[in-house]
C-alpha atoms as a PDB file:
ATOM      1  CA  MET A   1      90.304 118.248 106.091  1.00  0.00           C
ATOM      2  CA  PRO A   2      90.743 116.920 102.556  1.00  0.00           C
ATOM      3  CA  ASP A   3      87.526 116.469 100.585  1.00  0.00           C
ATOM      4  CA  GLU A   4      88.051 112.715 100.180  1.00  0.00           C
ATOM      5  CA  VAL A   5      88.320 112.297 103.971  1.00  0.00           C
ATOM      6  CA  ALA A   6      85.191 114.404 104.499  1.00  0.00           C
ATOM      7  CA  VAL A   7      83.310 112.220 102.018  1.00  0.00           C
ATOM      8  CA  LEU A   8      84.469 109.036 103.754  1.00  0.00           C
ATOM      9  CA  LEU A   9      83.386 110.405 107.121  1.00  0.00           C
ATOM     10  CA  ASN A  10      80.003 111.604 105.913  1.00  0.00           C
ATOM     11  CA  GLU A  11      78.222 108.561 107.300  1.00  0.00           C
ATOM     12  CA  THR A  12      79.709 105.462 108.883  1.00  0.00           C
ATOM     13  CA  GLU A  13      78.114 102.252 110.094  1.00  0.00           C
ATOM     14  CA  ILE A  14      79.566 100.423 113.075  1.00  0.00           C
ATOM     15  CA  GLY A  15      77.485  97.409 113.996  1.00  0.00           C
ATOM     16  CA  PRO A  16      73.830  98.453 114.012  1.00  0.00           C
ATOM     17  CA  TYR A  17      74.691 102.154 114.485  1.00  0.00           C
ATOM     18  CA  LYS A  18      74.811 104.794 111.760  1.00  0.00           C
ATOM     19  CA  ILE A  19      77.118 107.633 112.687  1.00  0.00           C
ATOM     20  CA  LYS A  20      77.005 110.891 110.793  1.00  0.00           C
ATOM     21  CA  PRO A  21      78.310 114.400 111.399  1.00  0.00           C
ATOM     22  CA  TRP A  22      76.254 116.508 113.780  1.00  0.00           C
ATOM     23  CA  SER A  23      73.487 118.744 112.592  1.00  0.00           C
ATOM     24  CA  PHE A  24      72.870 121.942 114.542  1.00  0.00           C
ATOM     25  CA  GLY A  25      70.114 120.205 116.520  1.00  0.00           C
ATOM     26  CA  ARG A  26      72.363 117.261 117.347  1.00  0.00           C
ATOM     27  CA  PHE A  27      75.163 119.646 118.362  1.00  0.00           C
ATOM     28  CA  LYS A  28      72.783 121.199 120.910  1.00  0.00           C
ATOM     29  CA  LYS A  29      72.176 117.724 122.357  1.00  0.00           C
ATOM     30  CA  VAL A  30      75.862 116.791 122.574  1.00  0.00           C
ATOM     31  CA  TYR A  31      77.012 120.172 123.892  1.00  0.00           C
ATOM     32  CA  PRO A  32      76.794 119.201 127.600  1.00  0.00           C
ATOM     33  CA  ALA A  33      79.096 116.217 126.991  1.00  0.00           C
ATOM     34  CA  LEU A  34      81.538 118.405 125.080  1.00  0.00           C
ATOM     35  CA  ILE A  35      82.275 120.526 128.131  1.00  0.00           C
ATOM     36  CA  GLY A  36      84.346 117.645 129.505  1.00  0.00           C
ATOM     37  CA  ILE A  37      85.796 116.537 126.178  1.00  0.00           C
ATOM     38  CA  VAL A  38      86.965 119.567 124.197  1.00  0.00           C
ATOM     39  CA  PRO A  39      89.543 120.844 126.727  1.00  0.00           C
ATOM     40  CA  VAL A  40      91.015 117.337 127.012  1.00  0.00           C
ATOM     41  CA  LEU A  41      91.310 117.025 123.230  1.00  0.00           C
ATOM     42  CA  LYS A  42      92.991 120.415 123.099  1.00  0.00           C
ATOM     43  CA  ASP A  43      95.455 119.371 125.807  1.00  0.00           C
ATOM     44  CA  LEU A  44      96.258 116.206 123.830  1.00  0.00           C
ATOM     45  CA  GLY A  45      97.093 118.356 120.805  1.00  0.00           C
ATOM     46  CA  LEU A  46      94.214 117.189 118.621  1.00  0.00           C
ATOM     47  CA  THR A  47      93.431 119.669 115.852  1.00  0.00           C
ATOM     48  CA  ALA A  48      91.392 119.565 112.659  1.00  0.00           C
ATOM     49  CA  GLU A  49      94.644 119.362 110.734  1.00  0.00           C
ATOM     50  CA  ASN A  50      96.108 116.357 112.597  1.00  0.00           C
ATOM     51  CA  ALA A  51      92.910 114.610 113.749  1.00  0.00           C
ATOM     52  CA  GLN A  52      93.176 111.452 111.656  1.00  0.00           C
ATOM     53  CA  GLU A  53      96.833 110.911 112.517  1.00  0.00           C
ATOM     54  CA  VAL A  54      96.416 111.570 116.244  1.00  0.00           C
ATOM     55  CA  LEU A  55      93.259 109.457 116.503  1.00  0.00           C
ATOM     56  CA  LEU A  56      95.050 106.517 114.868  1.00  0.00           C
ATOM     57  CA  GLU A  57      98.203 106.896 116.960  1.00  0.00           C
ATOM     58  CA  ARG A  58      96.647 107.780 120.320  1.00  0.00           C
ATOM     59  CA  GLY A  59      93.065 106.542 120.067  1.00  0.00           C
ATOM     60  CA  PHE A  60      92.928 104.620 123.331  1.00  0.00           C
ATOM     61  CA  GLU A  61      94.726 107.402 125.186  1.00  0.00           C
ATOM     62  CA  ILE A  62      92.056 109.789 123.930  1.00  0.00           C
ATOM     63  CA  VAL A  63      89.278 107.386 124.938  1.00  0.00           C
ATOM     64  CA  GLY A  64      90.766 107.111 128.425  1.00  0.00           C
ATOM     65  CA  ALA A  65      91.182 110.867 128.760  1.00  0.00           C
ATOM     66  CA  VAL A  66      87.585 111.624 127.806  1.00  0.00           C
ATOM     67  CA  LEU A  67      86.051 108.548 129.432  1.00  0.00           C
ATOM     68  CA  PRO A  68      83.917 110.417 131.992  1.00  0.00           C
ATOM     69  CA  ALA A  69      81.964 112.144 129.205  1.00  0.00           C
ATOM     70  CA  PHE A  70      82.316 109.488 126.493  1.00  0.00           C
ATOM     71  CA  SER A  71      79.044 107.642 127.200  1.00  0.00           C
ATOM     72  CA  ALA A  72      77.060 110.884 127.170  1.00  0.00           C
ATOM     73  CA  LEU A  73      78.666 111.935 123.878  1.00  0.00           C
ATOM     74  CA  ILE A  74      77.890 108.618 122.191  1.00  0.00           C
ATOM     75  CA  ALA A  75      74.359 108.484 123.604  1.00  0.00           C
ATOM     76  CA  ALA A  76      73.538 112.044 122.524  1.00  0.00           C
ATOM     77  CA  THR A  77      75.029 111.533 119.066  1.00  0.00           C
ATOM     78  CA  LEU A  78      73.223 108.246 118.400  1.00  0.00           C
ATOM     79  CA  ASP A  79      70.058 109.249 120.285  1.00  0.00           C
ATOM     80  CA  ILE A  80      70.235 106.171 122.520  1.00  0.00           C
ATOM     81  CA  SER A  81      70.364 105.797 126.292  1.00  0.00           C
ATOM     82  CA  GLU A  82      73.623 105.929 128.226  1.00  0.00           C
ATOM     83  CA  GLU A  83      72.684 102.493 129.576  1.00  0.00           C
ATOM     84  CA  GLU A  84      72.770 101.116 126.027  1.00  0.00           C
ATOM     85  CA  VAL A  85      76.201 102.677 125.538  1.00  0.00           C
ATOM     86  CA  GLU A  86      77.429 101.154 128.812  1.00  0.00           C
ATOM     87  CA  GLU A  87      76.405  97.704 127.547  1.00  0.00           C
ATOM     88  CA  MET A  88      78.365  98.034 124.294  1.00  0.00           C
ATOM     89  CA  ASP A  89      81.523  96.052 123.740  1.00  0.00           C
ATOM     90  CA  PHE A  90      84.479  98.280 124.682  1.00  0.00           C
ATOM     91  CA  GLY A  91      86.000  98.075 121.201  1.00  0.00           C
ATOM     92  CA  GLN A  92      82.722  99.004 119.567  1.00  0.00           C
ATOM     93  CA  ALA A  93      82.145 101.952 121.929  1.00  0.00           C
ATOM     94  CA  ALA A  94      85.713 103.176 121.404  1.00  0.00           C
ATOM     95  CA  ALA A  95      85.370 102.928 117.617  1.00  0.00           C
ATOM     96  CA  ILE A  96      82.040 104.764 117.684  1.00  0.00           C
ATOM     97  CA  GLY A  97      83.349 107.495 119.971  1.00  0.00           C
ATOM     98  CA  LEU A  98      86.523 108.050 117.952  1.00  0.00           C
ATOM     99  CA  THR A  99      84.467 108.131 114.750  1.00  0.00           C
ATOM    100  CA  ILE A 100      82.197 110.766 116.293  1.00  0.00           C
ATOM    101  CA  ILE A 101      85.206 112.863 117.267  1.00  0.00           C
ATOM    102  CA  SER A 102      86.851 112.522 113.850  1.00  0.00           C
ATOM    103  CA  GLN A 103      83.645 113.382 111.971  1.00  0.00           C
ATOM    104  CA  ASN A 104      83.073 116.476 114.048  1.00  0.00           C
ATOM    105  CA  ILE A 105      86.577 117.755 114.767  1.00  0.00           C
ATOM    106  CA  GLU A 106      85.926 121.050 112.939  1.00  0.00           C
ATOM    107  CA  ARG A 107      82.792 121.607 115.026  1.00  0.00           C
ATOM    108  CA  LEU A 108      84.743 120.758 118.175  1.00  0.00           C
ATOM    109  CA  LYS A 109      87.517 123.163 117.245  1.00  0.00           C
ATOM    110  CA  ASN A 110      85.029 125.946 116.503  1.00  0.00           C
ATOM    111  CA  SER A 111      83.124 125.316 119.745  1.00  0.00           C
ATOM    112  CA  LEU A 112      86.184 125.578 121.979  1.00  0.00           C
ATOM    113  CA  PRO A 113      85.708 129.292 122.777  1.00  0.00           C
ATOM    114  CA  LEU A 114      82.013 128.696 123.552  1.00  0.00           C
ATOM    115  CA  ILE A 115      82.860 125.877 125.941  1.00  0.00           C
ATOM    116  CA  MET A 116      85.914 127.393 127.574  1.00  0.00           C
ATOM    117  CA  GLU A 117      84.250 130.723 128.446  1.00  0.00           C
ATOM    118  CA  PRO A 118      81.731 129.260 130.964  1.00  0.00           C
ATOM    119  CA  ILE A 119      84.431 126.990 132.444  1.00  0.00           C
ATOM    120  CA  GLN A 120      86.790 129.932 132.938  1.00  0.00           C
ATOM    121  CA  ALA A 121      83.981 131.977 134.513  1.00  0.00           C
ATOM    122  CA  VAL A 122      83.372 129.206 137.053  1.00  0.00           C
ATOM    123  CA  ILE A 123      87.098 128.933 137.801  1.00  0.00           C
ATOM    124  CA  ARG A 124      87.398 132.700 138.330  1.00  0.00           C
ATOM    125  CA  ALA A 125      84.375 132.700 140.651  1.00  0.00           C
ATOM    126  CA  ALA A 126      85.806 129.871 142.797  1.00  0.00           C
END
């Protein structure tokens, strides 16, 4: 990711919410939501290299694909309840969620092996 993009994505405000890249502690909190999101992003072809382009072109498709885990991801990132997320305007929630994904795409890419291993173990056991 170019340095100027990283600087722009360092911290973003959308409405009353400040969104910033995950710390290690925040990553631990969002990890359960990522189990349902990272494989979907991979299937949609989202990478660190093309994240901005794909998010702009296919943002609502991505939101729809990750919808089951989207509220949990937003809630864990912003440290708010899922009920508060559910009450957000759809456009605001989508913008917040896509911002979270774009700010943390490198972390998501690097976490893929960690997330996929337990999923594959469950599939093999079934």
